[in-house]
Amino acid sequence: MLNTLMAAALVLTAFCIALAALFSLSLAGKRRRTPLGQEADIERNTAIFLFDDQKLIDATERGWQMIQSGEQPTGASDWQQLSHMLRGYFPDLENRMAELAEFGEVDLSSKDRPCRLRARWHDGLARIEFLDEDTATSGIDRHKMHALQDEVSTLRSTTEQLPFLIWRENENQTITWANRHYLELADSLQPDETVTSWPPRKLFEKPKLVEASNNDHPRRAALPGGPNGQRQWFELHEVMLGDENVVTAVPVDRLVKAESSLSEFVTTLTKTFAHLPIGLAIFDRKRQLALFNPALTDLVSLPVAFLVGKPTLFSFLDHLREKRMMPEPKDYKSWRQQMSELEAAARDGTYEETWSLPSGQTYRVSGRPHPEGAVAFLFEDITAEVSLTRRFRAELEMGQSALDCMSEAIAVFAPGGTLAMSNAAYRALWGSDPETSLMDVTVSDACMTWRHKCRPSDIWDRIQTSVANVENRSSWSEEFNLLNGRSVLCQIKPMVRGATMVSFVASSELPDSPKKRGTAASNTKNAPKISAISRV
């Protein structure tokens, strides 16, 4: 029984002790958490801050007003914001506050203003007291006024350094404020006035804006009397702020000059394209027709109304196919595939084809890439050129055929000594076909071939000299013998423009040959003359 009473007494004693400890701790916490706003009346006009490291725990009413009136740096802690505000009063504030935990107290006085700062370190908290004596005596928040003055000074210096004009107008369109650049420009346009008047001269006349949405379309205006006597161009942006209109005039002289140059350049190109005989069609990156010239309508026979409607590339090609202005495809599917390859090749700059139209015309069509993904197609009528080429090729074939019909072996050398043409008799006599050679056959190469199949003679050197000689040229002939002893007559005749013809007549074909003496007249009558050959 005694043991039981003693145990109960011990439990009751421990409970009382724990209850007393909890009550003491609650009183201490309550005393610590007492808001600074409930301090004595003498401290209510003082800015007091309570910090736990970088975090602001509490402040007096004046302290909260001071925090809210200042400029708040983005992303800064509570202490960084306060130190940013007080740095103008106490330049070494941060260095001294770093010693607060070591010394326990810090007392600072401003050199140029009647302000003091006291800080105490207690139980892990920093109590900072900022006292402005002028505020305490006059009731005016000097710190707030100082912040406003700094803000006004910053705004004024900013607007004065802006590289454009800015001003405000009231409801009567009277200027109520303007920056330095506006005032200087207004004074420069009134050189006779010695005293600057206020309000300043209004440089740009415009009715008041009804809606602020008009800012999406700025207006351009020009003023006379630039540095070189030229007009000064500005772009005006306007916005309504309360009852006043804020206008900004940005100089755009370079932009206007560039646009004028671009317009002149486009006009020049347009006039040039208009006189080009080549049809031009430019498709933008969306493959819509963006530009064409009059020659295109004449070449492709498409109506202007269709081209002005900006058709797509495939629609344009479809209409060409319907008008039979492009080669007829085998089937539509293969044609679409061909047009896709055409667009891809034009984008790479490798497309160039010759279109033979059913009408007998021939077009050269080229595709070229343009900046920003555009593609240009050029249509050139080469019907006359193709006809001339074909006629020239036919004449060459006819001349070559005439040479092949002759029994004489003929070789014609160009002025540079290159073999230009030969006939079938030449190939049969010398066993050599110059057309099968990948390299140009020169007179030296030909003489070497001839020399190897003939007995020794100095005629080959004389032939090379005659072909290379461009002055004092004359005809001559000489006989030589092949390795089999057969006699051949070689005739050298100069031709027009420095060309030279070398002909070879074997002994059996000579007019004085005993074997064909009776038929010499008939051979001479039927064979073409050398002079006629030279004209061919």
Protein backbone atom coordinates (compact mmCIF):
# COMPACT_ATOMS: atom_id res chain seq x y z
CA MET A 1 0.00 0.00 0.00
CA LEU A 2 2.82 2.35 0.86
CA ASN A 3 4.55 1.59 -2.38
CA THR A 4 1.43 2.33 -4.30
CA LEU A 5 1.02 5.75 -2.63
CA MET A 6 4.65 6.63 -3.28
CA ALA A 7 4.33 5.72 -6.97
CA ALA A 8 1.19 7.84 -7.32
CA ALA A 9 2.94 10.76 -5.63
CA LEU A 10 5.86 10.50 -8.02
CA VAL A 11 3.56 10.45 -11.06
CA LEU A 12 1.62 13.48 -9.78
CA THR A 13 4.86 15.38 -9.14
CA ALA A 14 6.18 14.64 -12.65
CA PHE A 15 2.88 15.75 -14.18
CA CYS A 16 2.98 19.06 -12.31
CA ILE A 17 6.55 19.72 -13.35
CA ALA A 18 5.74 19.00 -17.04
CA LEU A 19 2.68 21.25 -16.86
CA ALA A 20 4.74 24.09 -15.39
CA ALA A 21 7.38 23.69 -18.12
CA LEU A 22 4.79 23.76 -20.89
CA PHE A 23 3.21 26.88 -19.39
CA SER A 24 6.61 28.64 -19.24
CA LEU A 25 7.39 27.73 -22.86
CA SER A 26 4.01 28.98 -24.02
CA LEU A 27 4.59 32.31 -22.31
CA ALA A 28 8.03 32.64 -23.90
CA GLY A 29 6.68 31.75 -27.38
CA LYS A 30 3.80 34.17 -26.97
CA ARG A 31 6.18 36.87 -25.91
CA ARG A 32 8.42 36.10 -28.91
CA ARG A 33 5.53 36.05 -31.38
CA THR A 34 4.09 39.35 -30.25
CA PRO A 35 3.60 41.40 -33.46
CA LEU A 36 5.67 44.54 -33.77
CA GLY A 37 2.50 46.44 -34.57
CA GLN A 38 1.53 46.12 -30.85
CA GLU A 39 4.71 47.83 -29.61
CA ALA A 40 4.61 51.14 -27.77
CA ASP A 41 3.18 54.17 -29.50
CA ILE A 42 6.62 55.79 -29.55
CA GLU A 43 7.81 53.06 -31.95
CA ARG A 44 4.81 53.09 -34.27
CA ASN A 45 6.25 55.95 -36.39
CA THR A 46 9.54 54.09 -36.65
CA ALA A 47 10.25 51.51 -39.36
CA ILE A 48 11.17 48.32 -37.47
CA PHE A 49 11.86 44.99 -39.15
CA LEU A 50 12.30 41.56 -37.63
CA PHE A 51 14.38 39.13 -39.73
CA ASP A 52 15.08 35.44 -39.38
CA ASP A 53 18.16 35.17 -41.60
CA GLN A 54 17.02 36.50 -45.03
CA LYS A 55 13.27 36.22 -44.32
CA LEU A 56 11.16 39.07 -42.95
CA ILE A 57 9.03 37.79 -40.06
CA ASP A 58 7.28 40.98 -38.99
CA ALA A 59 7.42 44.77 -39.27
CA THR A 60 5.68 47.87 -37.92
CA GLU A 61 3.11 49.74 -39.94
CA ARG A 62 5.75 52.26 -41.03
CA GLY A 63 8.05 49.39 -42.01
CA TRP A 64 5.39 47.76 -44.19
CA GLN A 65 4.69 51.12 -45.86
CA MET A 66 8.39 51.55 -46.53
CA ILE A 67 8.68 48.06 -48.06
CA GLN A 68 5.64 48.53 -50.28
CA SER A 69 6.65 52.00 -51.54
CA GLY A 70 10.08 50.96 -52.81
CA GLU A 71 11.05 49.28 -56.08
CA GLN A 72 11.20 45.50 -55.62
CA PRO A 73 14.04 43.72 -57.46
CA THR A 74 12.81 40.60 -59.24
CA GLY A 75 13.69 37.33 -57.48
CA ALA A 76 15.35 39.03 -54.48
CA SER A 77 14.91 37.89 -50.86
CA ASP A 78 13.28 40.07 -48.19
CA TRP A 79 16.64 41.20 -46.85
CA GLN A 80 18.00 41.94 -50.35
CA GLN A 81 14.96 44.12 -51.03
CA LEU A 82 15.43 46.10 -47.84
CA SER A 83 19.18 46.51 -48.30
CA HIS A 84 18.53 47.68 -51.87
CA MET A 85 16.27 50.43 -50.50
CA LEU A 86 18.63 51.53 -47.71
CA ARG A 87 21.85 51.41 -49.74
CA GLY A 88 21.39 55.07 -50.73
CA TYR A 89 21.40 56.10 -47.04
CA PHE A 90 24.12 53.74 -45.77
CA PRO A 91 26.64 52.70 -48.47
CA ASP A 92 28.39 50.16 -46.16
CA LEU A 93 25.17 48.64 -44.85
CA GLU A 94 25.77 45.09 -46.07
CA ASN A 95 29.33 44.92 -44.73
CA ARG A 96 28.27 46.18 -41.27
CA MET A 97 25.24 43.90 -41.10
CA ALA A 98 27.47 40.91 -41.79
CA GLU A 99 29.09 41.64 -38.34
CA LEU A 100 25.76 41.78 -36.47
CA ALA A 101 25.82 38.17 -35.24
CA GLU A 102 29.39 38.63 -33.96
CA PHE A 103 29.05 41.98 -32.15
CA GLY A 104 25.33 41.82 -31.29
CA GLU A 105 24.61 45.46 -32.19
CA VAL A 106 25.15 47.77 -35.17
CA ASP A 107 24.50 51.52 -35.16
CA LEU A 108 24.73 53.50 -38.42
CA SER A 109 24.19 57.17 -39.24
CA SER A 110 23.70 58.67 -42.69
CA LYS A 111 26.23 61.34 -43.61
CA ASP A 112 24.04 63.48 -45.84
CA ARG A 113 20.58 62.86 -44.33
CA PRO A 114 19.14 62.84 -40.82
CA CYS A 115 18.65 59.07 -40.71
CA ARG A 116 19.86 56.37 -38.36
CA LEU A 117 19.78 52.59 -38.39
CA ARG A 118 20.06 50.39 -35.32
CA ALA A 119 20.25 46.62 -35.43
CA ARG A 120 20.30 44.10 -32.57
CA TRP A 121 20.92 40.36 -32.59
CA HIS A 122 18.86 38.35 -30.10
CA ASP A 123 18.10 34.66 -29.94
CA GLY A 124 18.79 34.07 -33.66
CA LEU A 125 16.68 37.03 -34.84
CA ALA A 126 17.79 40.41 -36.18
CA ARG A 127 15.77 43.46 -35.11
CA ILE A 128 16.44 46.38 -37.45
CA GLU A 129 15.20 49.87 -36.64
CA PHE A 130 15.28 52.64 -39.24
CA LEU A 131 14.63 56.16 -37.95
CA ASP A 132 14.10 59.20 -40.19
CA GLU A 133 14.16 62.27 -37.91
CA ASP A 134 12.50 64.55 -40.48
CA THR A 135 9.62 62.10 -40.78
CA ALA A 136 9.26 61.88 -37.04
CA THR A 137 9.05 65.67 -36.60
CA SER A 138 7.12 66.75 -39.73
CA GLY A 139 4.95 63.70 -40.30
CA ILE A 140 6.13 63.48 -43.94
CA ASP A 141 7.43 60.15 -45.18
CA ARG A 142 10.86 61.32 -46.31
CA HIS A 143 11.87 57.89 -47.46
CA LYS A 144 8.84 57.59 -49.68
CA MET A 145 9.49 61.07 -51.03
CA HIS A 146 13.12 60.17 -51.69
CA ALA A 147 12.05 57.01 -53.55
CA LEU A 148 9.64 59.05 -55.66
CA GLN A 149 12.33 61.61 -56.44
CA ASP A 150 14.71 58.86 -57.52
CA GLU A 151 12.03 57.34 -59.71
CA VAL A 152 11.22 60.70 -61.30
CA SER A 153 14.92 61.35 -61.93
CA THR A 154 15.32 57.90 -63.52
CA LEU A 155 12.31 58.38 -65.77
CA ARG A 156 13.40 61.87 -66.78
CA SER A 157 16.93 60.79 -67.69
CA THR A 158 15.53 57.80 -69.60
CA THR A 159 13.14 59.86 -71.71
CA GLU A 160 15.80 62.48 -72.38
CA GLN A 161 18.14 59.85 -73.82
CA LEU A 162 15.58 58.12 -76.02
CA PRO A 163 16.62 58.28 -79.73
CA PHE A 164 13.11 59.28 -80.85
CA LEU A 165 10.46 61.91 -80.16
CA ILE A 166 7.84 61.42 -77.47
CA TRP A 167 5.24 63.82 -76.12
CA ARG A 168 1.80 63.97 -74.45
CA GLU A 169 -1.31 65.80 -75.63
CA ASN A 170 -4.44 66.65 -73.67
CA GLU A 171 -8.03 66.61 -74.87
CA ASN A 172 -7.51 69.91 -76.71
CA GLN A 173 -4.50 68.44 -78.53
CA THR A 174 -2.20 70.79 -76.62
CA ILE A 175 1.22 69.44 -75.74
CA THR A 176 1.60 69.03 -71.98
CA TRP A 177 5.00 67.31 -71.95
CA ALA A 178 7.77 66.52 -74.45
CA ASN A 179 11.25 65.03 -74.27
CA ARG A 180 14.49 66.74 -75.23
CA HIS A 181 14.59 65.45 -78.83
CA TYR A 182 11.14 66.84 -79.56
CA LEU A 183 12.01 70.26 -78.13
CA GLU A 184 15.29 70.42 -80.07
CA LEU A 185 13.58 69.51 -83.34
CA ALA A 186 10.83 72.07 -82.72
CA ASP A 187 13.45 74.77 -82.05
CA SER A 188 15.41 73.84 -85.18
CA LEU A 189 12.33 74.35 -87.32
CA GLN A 190 11.87 77.87 -85.82
CA PRO A 191 15.33 79.41 -86.18
CA ASP A 192 14.03 83.00 -85.88
CA GLU A 193 12.73 82.60 -82.34
CA THR A 194 15.30 83.31 -79.63
CA VAL A 195 13.14 82.25 -76.67
CA THR A 196 11.65 78.81 -76.42
CA SER A 197 7.89 79.04 -76.04
CA TRP A 198 5.62 76.75 -74.06
CA PRO A 199 3.74 74.77 -75.07
CA PRO A 200 6.13 73.98 -77.91
CA ARG A 201 5.13 74.03 -81.54
CA LYS A 202 3.07 71.06 -82.63
CA LEU A 203 5.02 69.30 -85.39
CA PHE A 204 2.46 66.68 -86.48
CA GLU A 205 -1.18 67.55 -87.02
CA LYS A 206 -3.60 64.65 -86.66
CA PRO A 207 -7.11 64.20 -85.23
CA LYS A 208 -7.32 62.56 -81.85
CA LEU A 209 -7.43 58.81 -81.84
CA VAL A 210 -10.81 57.31 -81.08
CA GLU A 211 -9.61 53.78 -80.36
CA ALA A 212 -6.26 52.62 -79.03
CA SER A 213 -6.37 49.69 -81.46
CA ASN A 214 -5.23 52.09 -84.19
CA ASN A 215 -1.72 51.52 -82.83
CA ASP A 216 -1.59 48.37 -84.92
CA HIS A 217 -1.33 50.59 -88.00
CA PRO A 218 1.18 53.36 -87.31
CA ARG A 219 0.98 56.48 -89.42
CA ARG A 220 3.89 57.96 -91.36
CA ALA A 221 4.50 61.69 -91.56
CA ALA A 222 7.26 63.85 -93.02
CA LEU A 223 8.76 67.14 -91.86
CA PRO A 224 10.68 69.53 -94.12
CA GLY A 225 14.13 70.90 -93.49
CA GLY A 226 16.34 67.88 -92.93
CA PRO A 227 20.17 68.03 -92.71
CA ASN A 228 20.47 68.12 -96.52
CA GLY A 229 17.25 69.97 -97.18
CA GLN A 230 15.37 66.69 -97.54
CA ARG A 231 12.24 65.67 -95.75
CA GLN A 232 12.50 63.81 -92.45
CA TRP A 233 10.22 60.80 -92.19
CA PHE A 234 8.72 59.56 -88.93
CA GLU A 235 6.46 56.70 -87.93
CA LEU A 236 3.90 57.75 -85.33
CA HIS A 237 2.64 55.40 -82.62
CA GLU A 238 -0.14 56.64 -80.33
CA VAL A 239 -1.73 55.29 -77.16
CA MET A 240 -4.31 56.73 -74.79
CA LEU A 241 -3.28 57.03 -71.11
CA GLY A 242 -6.18 58.36 -69.14
CA ASP A 243 -7.31 61.64 -70.64
CA GLU A 244 -4.07 62.25 -72.52
CA ASN A 245 -2.63 60.87 -75.71
CA VAL A 246 1.02 59.68 -75.69
CA VAL A 247 2.63 59.93 -79.13
CA THR A 248 5.95 58.44 -80.18
CA ALA A 249 7.65 59.46 -83.45
CA VAL A 250 10.38 57.05 -84.57
CA PRO A 251 12.73 58.24 -87.39
CA VAL A 252 12.37 56.01 -90.46
CA ASP A 253 14.44 57.90 -93.04
CA ARG A 254 16.57 54.84 -93.84
CA LEU A 255 13.51 52.62 -94.08
CA VAL A 256 11.75 55.03 -96.45
CA LYS A 257 14.88 55.33 -98.57
CA ALA A 258 15.24 51.55 -98.71
CA GLU A 259 11.59 51.11 -99.65
CA SER A 260 11.93 53.78 -102.34
CA SER A 261 15.02 52.07 -103.75
CA LEU A 262 13.26 48.72 -103.65
CA SER A 263 10.22 50.18 -105.43
CA GLU A 264 12.41 51.70 -108.14
CA PHE A 265 14.27 48.42 -108.50
CA VAL A 266 11.02 46.46 -108.81
CA THR A 267 9.73 48.98 -111.36
CA THR A 268 12.93 48.63 -113.37
CA LEU A 269 12.69 44.84 -113.24
CA THR A 270 9.03 44.98 -114.23
CA LYS A 271 9.83 47.13 -117.27
CA THR A 272 12.72 44.83 -118.16
CA PHE A 273 10.57 41.72 -117.82
CA ALA A 274 7.85 43.36 -119.89
CA HIS A 275 10.22 43.67 -122.87
CA LEU A 276 11.82 40.26 -122.52
CA PRO A 277 10.97 37.83 -125.34
CA ILE A 278 11.35 34.98 -122.83
CA GLY A 279 8.28 34.01 -120.82
CA LEU A 280 8.84 34.25 -117.06
CA ALA A 281 6.70 32.59 -114.37
CA ILE A 282 7.75 32.79 -110.69
CA PHE A 283 5.98 30.57 -108.14
CA ASP A 284 6.34 31.31 -104.43
CA ARG A 285 7.14 28.78 -101.71
CA LYS A 286 3.46 27.71 -101.68
CA ARG A 287 3.81 27.07 -105.44
CA GLN A 288 1.37 29.83 -106.39
CA LEU A 289 2.08 32.10 -109.33
CA ALA A 290 3.50 35.31 -107.88
CA LEU A 291 4.93 37.08 -110.94
CA PHE A 292 4.75 36.75 -114.73
CA ASN A 293 5.55 38.93 -117.74
CA PRO A 294 3.53 39.67 -120.91
CA ALA A 295 5.69 37.36 -123.02
CA LEU A 296 4.38 34.39 -121.02
CA THR A 297 0.80 35.01 -122.16
CA ASP A 298 1.94 35.14 -125.78
CA LEU A 299 3.98 31.94 -125.54
CA VAL A 300 1.67 29.67 -123.54
CA SER A 301 -1.66 31.07 -124.82
CA LEU A 302 -3.18 31.26 -121.33
CA PRO A 303 -5.68 34.04 -120.51
CA VAL A 304 -4.47 36.92 -118.35
CA ALA A 305 -7.43 36.51 -116.00
CA PHE A 306 -6.29 32.98 -115.18
CA LEU A 307 -2.69 34.07 -114.51
CA VAL A 308 -3.76 37.04 -112.38
CA GLY A 309 -5.72 34.63 -110.19
CA LYS A 310 -2.42 33.20 -108.90
CA PRO A 311 -2.90 29.55 -109.93
CA THR A 312 -0.83 26.81 -108.39
CA LEU A 313 2.03 25.20 -110.30
CA PHE A 314 0.06 22.02 -111.04
CA SER A 315 -2.99 24.02 -112.13
CA PHE A 316 -0.74 26.04 -114.42
CA LEU A 317 0.73 22.86 -115.93
CA ASP A 318 -2.74 21.32 -116.26
CA HIS A 319 -3.87 24.29 -118.34
CA LEU A 320 -0.74 24.02 -120.48
CA ARG A 321 -1.60 20.38 -121.11
CA GLU A 322 -5.18 21.27 -122.04
CA LYS A 323 -3.95 23.96 -124.43
CA ARG A 324 -1.51 21.44 -125.98
CA MET A 325 1.36 23.74 -125.05
CA MET A 326 3.53 20.95 -123.66
CA PRO A 327 4.56 17.50 -124.92
CA GLU A 328 1.64 15.08 -124.93
CA PRO A 329 2.13 12.49 -122.15
CA LYS A 330 1.45 8.78 -122.55
CA ASP A 331 -0.97 8.71 -119.63
CA TYR A 332 -2.09 11.11 -116.90
CA LYS A 333 -0.52 9.16 -114.02
CA SER A 334 2.93 9.20 -115.59
CA TRP A 335 2.43 12.86 -116.45
CA ARG A 336 1.71 13.75 -112.80
CA GLN A 337 4.82 11.86 -111.77
CA GLN A 338 6.79 13.72 -114.40
CA MET A 339 5.46 17.07 -113.15
CA SER A 340 6.45 16.20 -109.57
CA GLU A 341 9.96 15.41 -110.78
CA LEU A 342 9.92 18.66 -112.77
CA GLU A 343 9.10 20.67 -109.61
CA ALA A 344 11.81 18.91 -107.61
CA ALA A 345 14.40 19.43 -110.36
CA ALA A 346 13.47 23.11 -110.67
CA ARG A 347 13.85 23.51 -106.91
CA ASP A 348 17.39 22.11 -107.22
CA GLY A 349 18.14 24.22 -110.30
CA THR A 350 18.74 21.24 -112.60
CA TYR A 351 15.61 21.28 -114.75
CA GLU A 352 16.10 22.16 -118.43
CA GLU A 353 14.24 20.49 -121.26
CA THR A 354 13.24 21.09 -124.85
CA TRP A 355 9.52 20.78 -125.48
CA SER A 356 8.50 19.81 -129.02
CA LEU A 357 4.87 20.86 -129.25
CA PRO A 358 2.24 19.27 -131.49
CA SER A 359 1.92 22.62 -133.29
CA GLY A 360 5.49 22.30 -134.56
CA GLN A 361 6.91 24.89 -132.16
CA THR A 362 9.86 24.13 -129.94
CA TYR A 363 10.27 25.62 -126.46
CA ARG A 364 13.25 25.53 -124.14
CA VAL A 365 11.93 25.35 -120.55
CA SER A 366 14.25 25.96 -117.61
CA GLY A 367 13.60 25.84 -113.88
CA ARG A 368 15.66 27.86 -111.43
CA PRO A 369 15.40 28.17 -107.62
CA HIS A 370 14.75 31.58 -106.07
CA PRO A 371 15.19 32.86 -102.48
CA GLU A 372 12.80 31.72 -99.73
CA GLY A 373 11.80 28.55 -101.56
CA ALA A 374 10.42 30.18 -104.72
CA VAL A 375 10.86 28.65 -108.18
CA ALA A 376 11.14 30.44 -111.55
CA PHE A 377 10.33 28.90 -114.92
CA LEU A 378 11.58 30.39 -118.18
CA PHE A 379 9.86 29.62 -121.50
CA GLU A 380 11.89 30.43 -124.61
CA ASP A 381 10.69 29.90 -128.19
CA ILE A 382 13.61 28.30 -130.03
CA THR A 383 11.65 27.18 -133.09
CA ALA A 384 13.70 29.37 -135.44
CA GLU A 385 16.94 28.30 -133.80
CA VAL A 386 16.04 24.62 -134.05
CA SER A 387 14.96 25.04 -137.68
CA LEU A 388 18.21 26.79 -138.52
CA THR A 389 20.20 24.08 -136.75
CA ARG A 390 18.35 21.37 -138.58
CA ARG A 391 18.84 23.10 -141.93
CA PHE A 392 22.53 23.64 -141.22
CA ARG A 393 22.89 19.99 -140.18
CA ALA A 394 21.11 18.91 -143.38
CA GLU A 395 23.47 21.04 -145.48
CA LEU A 396 26.47 19.54 -143.69
CA GLU A 397 25.16 16.06 -144.31
CA MET A 398 24.57 16.91 -147.96
CA GLY A 399 28.09 18.31 -148.33
CA GLN A 400 29.56 15.27 -146.62
CA SER A 401 27.53 13.02 -148.90
CA ALA A 402 28.84 14.94 -151.95
CA LEU A 403 32.42 14.46 -150.74
CA ASP A 404 31.83 10.75 -150.19
CA CYS A 405 30.61 10.40 -153.78
CA MET A 406 33.91 11.70 -155.17
CA SER A 407 36.64 9.25 -156.20
CA GLU A 408 39.42 11.55 -154.99
CA ALA A 409 40.63 11.17 -151.42
CA ILE A 410 40.04 14.58 -149.80
CA ALA A 411 41.12 15.99 -146.43
CA VAL A 412 40.20 19.55 -145.35
CA PHE A 413 42.24 21.20 -142.59
CA ALA A 414 41.03 24.14 -140.51
CA PRO A 415 43.22 27.27 -140.09
CA GLY A 416 44.68 25.83 -136.89
CA GLY A 417 45.84 22.67 -138.66
CA THR A 418 43.06 20.41 -137.35
CA LEU A 419 41.42 17.95 -139.73
CA ALA A 420 37.90 19.32 -140.31
CA MET A 421 36.46 16.76 -142.72
CA SER A 422 37.37 13.86 -144.98
CA ASN A 423 35.52 11.60 -147.41
CA ALA A 424 35.08 7.88 -147.93
CA ALA A 425 37.84 7.73 -150.58
CA TYR A 426 40.30 9.16 -148.02
CA ARG A 427 39.40 6.48 -145.47
CA ALA A 428 39.73 3.76 -148.12
CA LEU A 429 43.12 5.03 -149.35
CA TRP A 430 44.78 5.47 -145.99
CA GLY A 431 42.87 2.93 -143.93
CA SER A 432 42.12 5.55 -141.24
CA ASP A 433 38.81 7.04 -140.09
CA PRO A 434 39.40 10.39 -138.28
CA GLU A 435 35.80 10.44 -136.99
CA THR A 436 36.49 7.44 -134.73
CA SER A 437 39.32 9.24 -132.94
CA LEU A 438 38.54 10.75 -129.54
CA MET A 439 41.22 13.41 -130.05
CA ASP A 440 41.52 16.04 -132.77
CA VAL A 441 43.59 14.86 -135.72
CA THR A 442 46.19 17.49 -136.64
CA VAL A 443 48.10 17.86 -139.88
CA SER A 444 51.16 16.41 -138.11
CA ASP A 445 49.19 13.30 -137.13
CA ALA A 446 47.86 12.95 -140.69
CA CYS A 447 51.34 13.37 -142.24
CA MET A 448 52.70 10.71 -139.90
CA THR A 449 49.99 8.29 -141.07
CA TRP A 450 50.73 9.11 -144.70
CA ARG A 451 54.52 8.86 -144.23
CA HIS A 452 54.28 5.33 -142.78
CA LYS A 453 52.41 4.07 -145.88
CA CYS A 454 54.64 5.77 -148.52
CA ARG A 455 58.18 5.67 -149.72
CA PRO A 456 60.52 8.36 -148.40
CA SER A 457 59.68 11.84 -149.69
CA ASP A 458 59.95 15.45 -148.50
CA ILE A 459 56.39 16.27 -149.51
CA TRP A 460 55.07 15.77 -145.99
CA ASP A 461 57.13 18.61 -144.52
CA ARG A 462 56.02 20.87 -147.36
CA ILE A 463 52.36 19.96 -146.69
CA GLN A 464 52.69 20.90 -142.99
CA THR A 465 54.30 24.19 -143.96
CA SER A 466 51.53 25.00 -146.46
CA VAL A 467 48.75 24.23 -143.96
CA ALA A 468 50.39 26.31 -141.24
CA ASN A 469 51.10 29.24 -143.58
CA VAL A 470 48.38 31.91 -143.50
CA GLU A 471 50.00 34.38 -145.93
CA ASN A 472 51.23 34.12 -149.55
CA ARG A 473 49.34 30.89 -150.06
CA SER A 474 49.24 29.21 -153.47
CA SER A 475 48.17 25.91 -155.02
CA TRP A 476 50.74 23.25 -155.86
CA SER A 477 50.86 19.54 -156.58
CA GLU A 478 53.40 16.71 -156.48
CA GLU A 479 53.47 12.97 -156.98
CA PHE A 480 54.71 10.37 -154.46
CA ASN A 481 54.73 6.58 -154.33
CA LEU A 482 53.01 4.25 -151.88
CA LEU A 483 54.89 1.32 -150.41
CA ASN A 484 53.43 -0.96 -153.10
CA GLY A 485 54.91 1.33 -155.79
CA ARG A 486 51.63 2.86 -156.82
CA SER A 487 51.92 6.53 -157.86
CA VAL A 488 49.65 9.13 -156.21
CA LEU A 489 49.19 12.76 -157.18
CA CYS A 490 48.83 15.11 -154.20
CA GLN A 491 47.22 18.51 -154.77
CA ILE A 492 47.31 21.35 -152.19
CA LYS A 493 44.71 24.10 -152.61
CA PRO A 494 44.12 27.04 -150.20
CA MET A 495 40.49 27.67 -149.21
CA VAL A 496 38.63 30.61 -147.67
CA ARG A 497 39.31 31.77 -144.11
CA GLY A 498 42.66 30.01 -143.89
CA ALA A 499 41.46 26.46 -144.56
CA THR A 500 43.44 24.09 -146.78
CA MET A 501 42.27 21.12 -148.90
CA VAL A 502 44.60 18.21 -149.58
CA SER A 503 43.43 15.76 -152.32
CA PHE A 504 44.98 12.47 -153.40
CA VAL A 505 44.48 10.90 -156.89
CA ALA A 506 45.89 7.41 -157.48
CA SER A 507 47.72 6.62 -160.78
CA SER A 508 44.86 4.48 -162.08
CA GLU A 509 42.53 7.48 -161.71
CA LEU A 510 44.77 10.11 -163.30
CA PRO A 511 43.59 11.54 -166.67
CA ASP A 512 46.96 10.74 -168.33
CA SER A 513 47.07 7.17 -167.04
CA PRO A 514 47.69 4.64 -169.88
CA LYS A 515 45.08 2.29 -168.46
CA LYS A 516 42.31 4.87 -168.70
CA ARG A 517 43.60 7.22 -171.36
CA GLY A 518 40.54 6.59 -173.51
CA THR A 519 38.16 7.36 -170.65
CA ALA A 520 39.98 10.37 -169.24
CA ALA A 521 37.67 12.83 -170.92
CA SER A 522 34.56 11.12 -169.64
CA ASN A 523 36.00 10.93 -166.07
CA THR A 524 36.91 14.58 -166.18
CA LYS A 525 33.45 15.46 -167.39
CA ASN A 526 31.62 13.47 -164.73
CA ALA A 527 33.91 14.31 -161.75
CA PRO A 528 33.30 17.57 -159.86
CA LYS A 529 35.99 20.21 -160.18
CA ILE A 530 38.26 21.13 -157.25
CA SER A 531 37.00 24.69 -157.21
CA ALA A 532 33.44 23.44 -156.80
CA ILE A 533 34.50 21.28 -153.86
CA SER A 534 36.17 24.23 -152.16
CA ARG A 535 32.95 26.21 -152.37
CA VAL A 536 31.04 23.37 -150.69
